[in-house]
Amino acid sequence: MADALELEALWNDFHRVVNMPSPELADWLRMHDAGENVEPLPDRAGGATGRHVLAILQKRRTDLTDDDVDTMRHVVDEILSQVDLANEPEPEDAHDTLRRHHLMSLGHDPLKAPRT
């Protein structure tokens, strides 16, 4: 596990880049996975990383596991590699929409302001 200062910085970075609250992320994961006639079970909606992000959002910092910390690092790195939080552009085409949907599955909606 990370030391206390590193964990605090990661916790803050994670909550800064993951700008969707847990109910909104849960709704997105269910809606994104829903088929025409089928909706997935709530605990199986979305990809493994999206479900893990949702679980982390519902935890206290003191309850994090090593796996949670690894997922938080991955999500922060993934989002920051694709997003300039200070200057997020509006989606312009289908590629941007696919990118937005990928980011939303990680808990970041590029159309929302980042958390401060």
N, C-alpha and C. Protein backbone atom coordinates (compact mmCIF):
# COMPACT_ATOMS: atom_id res chain seq x y z
N MET A 1 0.87 -1.18 0.00
CA MET A 1 0.00 0.00 0.00
C MET A 1 0.90 1.23 0.00
N ALA A 2 0.39 2.28 -0.54
CA ALA A 2 1.12 3.55 -0.61
C ALA A 2 1.26 4.15 0.79
N ASP A 3 2.29 5.01 0.95
CA ASP A 3 2.41 5.69 2.25
C ASP A 3 1.30 6.72 2.38
N ALA A 4 1.16 7.29 3.56
CA ALA A 4 0.02 8.16 3.87
C ALA A 4 -0.05 9.39 2.96
N LEU A 5 1.10 10.03 2.69
CA LEU A 5 1.10 11.22 1.83
C LEU A 5 0.76 10.87 0.38
N GLU A 6 1.32 9.77 -0.09
CA GLU A 6 1.04 9.34 -1.46
C GLU A 6 -0.43 8.95 -1.61
N LEU A 7 -0.96 8.26 -0.61
CA LEU A 7 -2.36 7.85 -0.65
C LEU A 7 -3.28 9.07 -0.61
N GLU A 8 -2.95 10.05 0.19
CA GLU A 8 -3.78 11.26 0.25
C GLU A 8 -3.77 11.99 -1.10
N ALA A 9 -2.60 12.09 -1.72
CA ALA A 9 -2.50 12.74 -3.03
C ALA A 9 -3.29 11.96 -4.08
N LEU A 10 -3.18 10.64 -4.07
CA LEU A 10 -3.92 9.81 -5.02
C LEU A 10 -5.42 9.94 -4.79
N TRP A 11 -5.84 9.91 -3.53
CA TRP A 11 -7.26 10.05 -3.18
C TRP A 11 -7.80 11.38 -3.74
N ASN A 12 -7.04 12.45 -3.53
CA ASN A 12 -7.47 13.77 -4.01
C ASN A 12 -7.49 13.82 -5.54
N ASP A 13 -6.47 13.27 -6.19
CA ASP A 13 -6.44 13.24 -7.66
C ASP A 13 -7.61 12.42 -8.20
N PHE A 14 -7.86 11.27 -7.60
CA PHE A 14 -8.95 10.40 -8.04
C PHE A 14 -10.29 11.13 -7.96
N HIS A 15 -10.53 11.78 -6.83
CA HIS A 15 -11.80 12.47 -6.66
C HIS A 15 -11.88 13.77 -7.47
N ARG A 16 -10.76 14.26 -7.93
CA ARG A 16 -10.77 15.43 -8.81
C ARG A 16 -11.12 15.01 -10.24
N VAL A 17 -10.55 13.91 -10.73
CA VAL A 17 -10.79 13.51 -12.12
C VAL A 17 -12.07 12.70 -12.28
N VAL A 18 -12.46 11.97 -11.26
CA VAL A 18 -13.73 11.24 -11.31
C VAL A 18 -14.81 12.24 -10.87
N ASN A 19 -15.43 12.85 -11.87
CA ASN A 19 -16.36 13.94 -11.58
C ASN A 19 -17.84 13.52 -11.61
N MET A 20 -18.09 12.23 -11.72
CA MET A 20 -19.46 11.73 -11.67
C MET A 20 -19.72 11.16 -10.27
N PRO A 21 -20.76 11.63 -9.58
CA PRO A 21 -21.09 11.04 -8.29
C PRO A 21 -21.53 9.58 -8.47
N SER A 22 -21.42 8.80 -7.42
CA SER A 22 -21.69 7.37 -7.54
C SER A 22 -23.09 7.04 -8.09
N PRO A 23 -24.18 7.74 -7.71
CA PRO A 23 -25.47 7.39 -8.31
C PRO A 23 -25.49 7.64 -9.83
N GLU A 24 -24.84 8.70 -10.26
CA GLU A 24 -24.80 9.01 -11.68
C GLU A 24 -23.97 7.97 -12.44
N LEU A 25 -22.84 7.57 -11.86
CA LEU A 25 -22.01 6.55 -12.49
C LEU A 25 -22.76 5.22 -12.55
N ALA A 26 -23.43 4.85 -11.47
CA ALA A 26 -24.20 3.60 -11.46
C ALA A 26 -25.27 3.62 -12.55
N ASP A 27 -25.98 4.73 -12.68
CA ASP A 27 -27.00 4.86 -13.73
C ASP A 27 -26.37 4.73 -15.11
N TRP A 28 -25.23 5.38 -15.32
CA TRP A 28 -24.55 5.33 -16.61
C TRP A 28 -24.13 3.90 -16.94
N LEU A 29 -23.54 3.21 -15.99
CA LEU A 29 -23.09 1.84 -16.24
C LEU A 29 -24.26 0.94 -16.60
N ARG A 30 -25.39 1.08 -15.90
CA ARG A 30 -26.58 0.28 -16.22
C ARG A 30 -27.13 0.64 -17.59
N MET A 31 -27.23 1.92 -17.88
CA MET A 31 -27.79 2.36 -19.15
C MET A 31 -26.88 1.97 -20.31
N HIS A 32 -25.58 2.12 -20.14
CA HIS A 32 -24.63 1.84 -21.20
C HIS A 32 -24.61 0.35 -21.54
N ASP A 33 -24.84 -0.52 -20.56
CA ASP A 33 -24.83 -1.96 -20.79
C ASP A 33 -26.20 -2.53 -21.16
N ALA A 34 -27.24 -1.72 -21.02
CA ALA A 34 -28.59 -2.23 -21.28
C ALA A 34 -28.78 -2.52 -22.76
N GLY A 35 -29.39 -3.64 -23.02
CA GLY A 35 -29.76 -3.98 -24.38
C GLY A 35 -31.18 -3.52 -24.66
N GLU A 36 -31.66 -3.84 -25.84
CA GLU A 36 -33.01 -3.41 -26.22
C GLU A 36 -34.06 -4.02 -25.30
N ASN A 37 -33.86 -5.28 -24.92
CA ASN A 37 -34.86 -5.96 -24.10
C ASN A 37 -34.33 -6.40 -22.74
N VAL A 38 -33.09 -6.09 -22.45
CA VAL A 38 -32.47 -6.60 -21.23
C VAL A 38 -31.68 -5.50 -20.54
N GLU A 39 -31.80 -5.46 -19.23
CA GLU A 39 -30.97 -4.56 -18.42
C GLU A 39 -30.15 -5.43 -17.49
N PRO A 40 -28.83 -5.18 -17.41
CA PRO A 40 -27.99 -6.04 -16.57
C PRO A 40 -28.32 -5.86 -15.08
N LEU A 41 -27.93 -6.86 -14.31
CA LEU A 41 -28.08 -6.74 -12.86
C LEU A 41 -27.23 -5.57 -12.39
N PRO A 42 -27.70 -4.79 -11.42
CA PRO A 42 -26.97 -3.59 -10.99
C PRO A 42 -25.52 -3.84 -10.62
N ASP A 43 -25.23 -4.97 -9.98
CA ASP A 43 -23.85 -5.24 -9.57
C ASP A 43 -23.00 -5.82 -10.69
N ARG A 44 -23.58 -6.00 -11.88
CA ARG A 44 -22.83 -6.52 -13.02
C ARG A 44 -22.84 -5.57 -14.21
N ALA A 45 -23.37 -4.38 -14.02
CA ALA A 45 -23.44 -3.40 -15.10
C ALA A 45 -22.08 -2.74 -15.29
N GLY A 46 -21.72 -2.54 -16.54
CA GLY A 46 -20.46 -1.86 -16.84
C GLY A 46 -19.29 -2.81 -16.80
N GLY A 47 -18.14 -2.29 -17.17
CA GLY A 47 -16.92 -3.08 -17.14
C GLY A 47 -16.39 -3.21 -15.72
N ALA A 48 -15.41 -4.07 -15.57
CA ALA A 48 -14.85 -4.32 -14.24
C ALA A 48 -14.26 -3.05 -13.64
N THR A 49 -13.58 -2.24 -14.45
CA THR A 49 -12.97 -1.02 -13.91
C THR A 49 -14.05 -0.04 -13.48
N GLY A 50 -15.09 0.14 -14.28
CA GLY A 50 -16.17 1.04 -13.91
C GLY A 50 -16.85 0.62 -12.62
N ARG A 51 -17.08 -0.69 -12.47
CA ARG A 51 -17.69 -1.19 -11.22
C ARG A 51 -16.76 -0.96 -10.03
N HIS A 52 -15.46 -1.11 -10.28
CA HIS A 52 -14.50 -0.90 -9.19
C HIS A 52 -14.45 0.58 -8.80
N VAL A 53 -14.49 1.47 -9.80
CA VAL A 53 -14.54 2.91 -9.51
C VAL A 53 -15.77 3.22 -8.66
N LEU A 54 -16.89 2.65 -9.03
CA LEU A 54 -18.13 2.85 -8.27
C LEU A 54 -17.96 2.37 -6.83
N ALA A 55 -17.35 1.24 -6.64
CA ALA A 55 -17.14 0.71 -5.29
C ALA A 55 -16.21 1.63 -4.49
N ILE A 56 -15.17 2.15 -5.14
CA ILE A 56 -14.24 3.05 -4.45
C ILE A 56 -14.95 4.34 -4.03
N LEU A 57 -15.81 4.86 -4.90
CA LEU A 57 -16.54 6.09 -4.57
C LEU A 57 -17.41 5.91 -3.33
N GLN A 58 -17.76 4.69 -3.03
CA GLN A 58 -18.63 4.41 -1.88
C GLN A 58 -17.84 4.04 -0.62
N LYS A 59 -16.51 4.18 -0.68
CA LYS A 59 -15.66 3.82 0.45
C LYS A 59 -15.08 5.06 1.11
N ARG A 60 -14.64 4.84 2.34
CA ARG A 60 -13.82 5.84 3.02
C ARG A 60 -12.37 5.55 2.69
N ARG A 61 -11.54 6.54 2.76
CA ARG A 61 -10.12 6.38 2.44
C ARG A 61 -9.49 5.28 3.30
N THR A 62 -9.88 5.20 4.55
CA THR A 62 -9.29 4.22 5.46
C THR A 62 -9.67 2.78 5.11
N ASP A 63 -10.67 2.60 4.26
CA ASP A 63 -11.13 1.25 3.89
C ASP A 63 -10.54 0.75 2.57
N LEU A 64 -9.65 1.53 1.96
CA LEU A 64 -9.09 1.15 0.66
C LEU A 64 -8.19 -0.08 0.78
N THR A 65 -8.25 -0.93 -0.24
CA THR A 65 -7.36 -2.08 -0.34
C THR A 65 -6.24 -1.75 -1.34
N ASP A 66 -5.24 -2.62 -1.41
CA ASP A 66 -4.18 -2.44 -2.40
C ASP A 66 -4.75 -2.46 -3.81
N ASP A 67 -5.74 -3.31 -4.05
CA ASP A 67 -6.39 -3.38 -5.36
C ASP A 67 -7.11 -2.07 -5.69
N ASP A 68 -7.74 -1.46 -4.69
CA ASP A 68 -8.39 -0.16 -4.88
C ASP A 68 -7.36 0.89 -5.28
N VAL A 69 -6.23 0.90 -4.59
CA VAL A 69 -5.17 1.88 -4.88
C VAL A 69 -4.65 1.69 -6.29
N ASP A 70 -4.45 0.44 -6.72
CA ASP A 70 -3.99 0.17 -8.09
C ASP A 70 -5.02 0.67 -9.11
N THR A 71 -6.30 0.42 -8.85
CA THR A 71 -7.35 0.87 -9.76
C THR A 71 -7.40 2.40 -9.80
N MET A 72 -7.27 3.03 -8.64
CA MET A 72 -7.28 4.50 -8.61
C MET A 72 -6.13 5.06 -9.44
N ARG A 73 -4.93 4.50 -9.31
CA ARG A 73 -3.79 4.96 -10.10
C ARG A 73 -4.07 4.80 -11.59
N HIS A 74 -4.59 3.63 -11.95
CA HIS A 74 -4.91 3.35 -13.36
C HIS A 74 -5.92 4.36 -13.90
N VAL A 75 -6.98 4.60 -13.15
CA VAL A 75 -8.05 5.50 -13.61
C VAL A 75 -7.53 6.94 -13.72
N VAL A 76 -6.78 7.40 -12.74
CA VAL A 76 -6.22 8.76 -12.81
C VAL A 76 -5.31 8.88 -14.03
N ASP A 77 -4.42 7.91 -14.23
CA ASP A 77 -3.51 7.95 -15.38
C ASP A 77 -4.27 7.91 -16.70
N GLU A 78 -5.27 7.04 -16.79
CA GLU A 78 -6.06 6.90 -18.03
C GLU A 78 -6.81 8.18 -18.35
N ILE A 79 -7.46 8.75 -17.36
CA ILE A 79 -8.23 9.97 -17.61
C ILE A 79 -7.31 11.13 -17.96
N LEU A 80 -6.24 11.30 -17.19
CA LEU A 80 -5.33 12.43 -17.46
C LEU A 80 -4.59 12.28 -18.78
N SER A 81 -4.44 11.05 -19.28
CA SER A 81 -3.79 10.86 -20.58
C SER A 81 -4.70 11.29 -21.73
N GLN A 82 -6.00 11.37 -21.46
CA GLN A 82 -6.96 11.70 -22.51
C GLN A 82 -7.63 13.06 -22.34
N VAL A 83 -7.44 13.69 -21.20
CA VAL A 83 -8.21 14.89 -20.89
C VAL A 83 -7.29 15.99 -20.37
N ASP A 84 -7.53 17.18 -20.87
CA ASP A 84 -6.90 18.38 -20.29
C ASP A 84 -7.97 19.00 -19.40
N LEU A 85 -7.89 18.73 -18.11
CA LEU A 85 -8.96 19.17 -17.20
C LEU A 85 -9.17 20.67 -17.20
N ALA A 86 -8.15 21.43 -17.51
CA ALA A 86 -8.27 22.88 -17.50
C ALA A 86 -8.96 23.41 -18.75
N ASN A 87 -9.01 22.60 -19.81
CA ASN A 87 -9.54 23.09 -21.08
C ASN A 87 -10.22 21.95 -21.83
N GLU A 88 -11.31 21.46 -21.30
CA GLU A 88 -12.01 20.32 -21.89
C GLU A 88 -12.89 20.78 -23.04
N PRO A 89 -12.64 20.28 -24.27
CA PRO A 89 -13.46 20.69 -25.41
C PRO A 89 -14.80 19.95 -25.44
N GLU A 90 -15.77 20.53 -26.11
CA GLU A 90 -17.04 19.87 -26.35
C GLU A 90 -16.84 18.77 -27.39
N PRO A 91 -17.55 17.64 -27.30
CA PRO A 91 -17.44 16.62 -28.34
C PRO A 91 -17.93 17.18 -29.67
N GLU A 92 -17.19 16.87 -30.73
CA GLU A 92 -17.53 17.42 -32.04
C GLU A 92 -18.02 16.36 -33.01
N ASP A 93 -17.66 15.11 -32.81
CA ASP A 93 -18.06 14.08 -33.76
C ASP A 93 -18.22 12.75 -33.05
N ALA A 94 -18.49 11.70 -33.82
CA ALA A 94 -18.73 10.38 -33.24
C ALA A 94 -17.52 9.88 -32.46
N HIS A 95 -16.32 10.16 -32.94
CA HIS A 95 -15.12 9.73 -32.23
C HIS A 95 -15.09 10.38 -30.84
N ASP A 96 -15.41 11.65 -30.77
CA ASP A 96 -15.45 12.33 -29.48
C ASP A 96 -16.53 11.72 -28.59
N THR A 97 -17.64 11.30 -29.18
CA THR A 97 -18.72 10.68 -28.40
C THR A 97 -18.25 9.34 -27.84
N LEU A 98 -17.56 8.54 -28.66
CA LEU A 98 -17.02 7.27 -28.18
C LEU A 98 -16.01 7.51 -27.06
N ARG A 99 -15.17 8.52 -27.23
CA ARG A 99 -14.19 8.88 -26.20
C ARG A 99 -14.91 9.29 -24.92
N ARG A 100 -15.96 10.10 -25.06
CA ARG A 100 -16.73 10.54 -23.89
C ARG A 100 -17.32 9.33 -23.18
N HIS A 101 -17.89 8.39 -23.92
CA HIS A 101 -18.50 7.22 -23.30
C HIS A 101 -17.47 6.36 -22.59
N HIS A 102 -16.28 6.24 -23.17
CA HIS A 102 -15.20 5.50 -22.51
C HIS A 102 -14.83 6.19 -21.19
N LEU A 103 -14.65 7.49 -21.24
CA LEU A 103 -14.30 8.24 -20.02
C LEU A 103 -15.40 8.16 -18.98
N MET A 104 -16.65 8.22 -19.42
CA MET A 104 -17.77 8.12 -18.47
C MET A 104 -17.80 6.76 -17.80
N SER A 105 -17.35 5.72 -18.50
CA SER A 105 -17.30 4.38 -17.90
C SER A 105 -16.22 4.30 -16.82
N LEU A 106 -15.33 5.30 -16.79
CA LEU A 106 -14.32 5.40 -15.74
C LEU A 106 -14.72 6.42 -14.67
N GLY A 107 -15.87 7.07 -14.86
CA GLY A 107 -16.36 8.03 -13.87
C GLY A 107 -16.07 9.48 -14.20
N HIS A 108 -15.60 9.76 -15.43
CA HIS A 108 -15.30 11.14 -15.82
C HIS A 108 -16.17 11.54 -17.01
N ASP A 109 -17.04 12.51 -16.81
CA ASP A 109 -17.83 13.06 -17.91
C ASP A 109 -17.15 14.35 -18.37
N PRO A 110 -16.59 14.35 -19.58
CA PRO A 110 -15.87 15.53 -20.04
C PRO A 110 -16.75 16.75 -20.22
N LEU A 111 -18.06 16.59 -20.22
CA LEU A 111 -18.95 17.73 -20.34
C LEU A 111 -19.25 18.38 -19.01
N LYS A 112 -18.81 17.76 -17.93
CA LYS A 112 -19.00 18.32 -16.59
C LYS A 112 -17.72 18.98 -16.14
N ALA A 113 -17.87 19.98 -15.33
CA ALA A 113 -16.69 20.65 -14.75
C ALA A 113 -16.00 19.69 -13.80
N PRO A 114 -14.66 19.73 -13.78
CA PRO A 114 -13.96 18.87 -12.82
C PRO A 114 -14.27 19.31 -11.39
N ARG A 115 -14.15 18.38 -10.48
CA ARG A 115 -14.32 18.72 -9.07
C ARG A 115 -13.15 19.54 -8.62
N THR A 116 -13.38 20.43 -7.69
CA THR A 116 -12.28 21.24 -7.18
C THR A 116 -11.88 20.78 -5.81
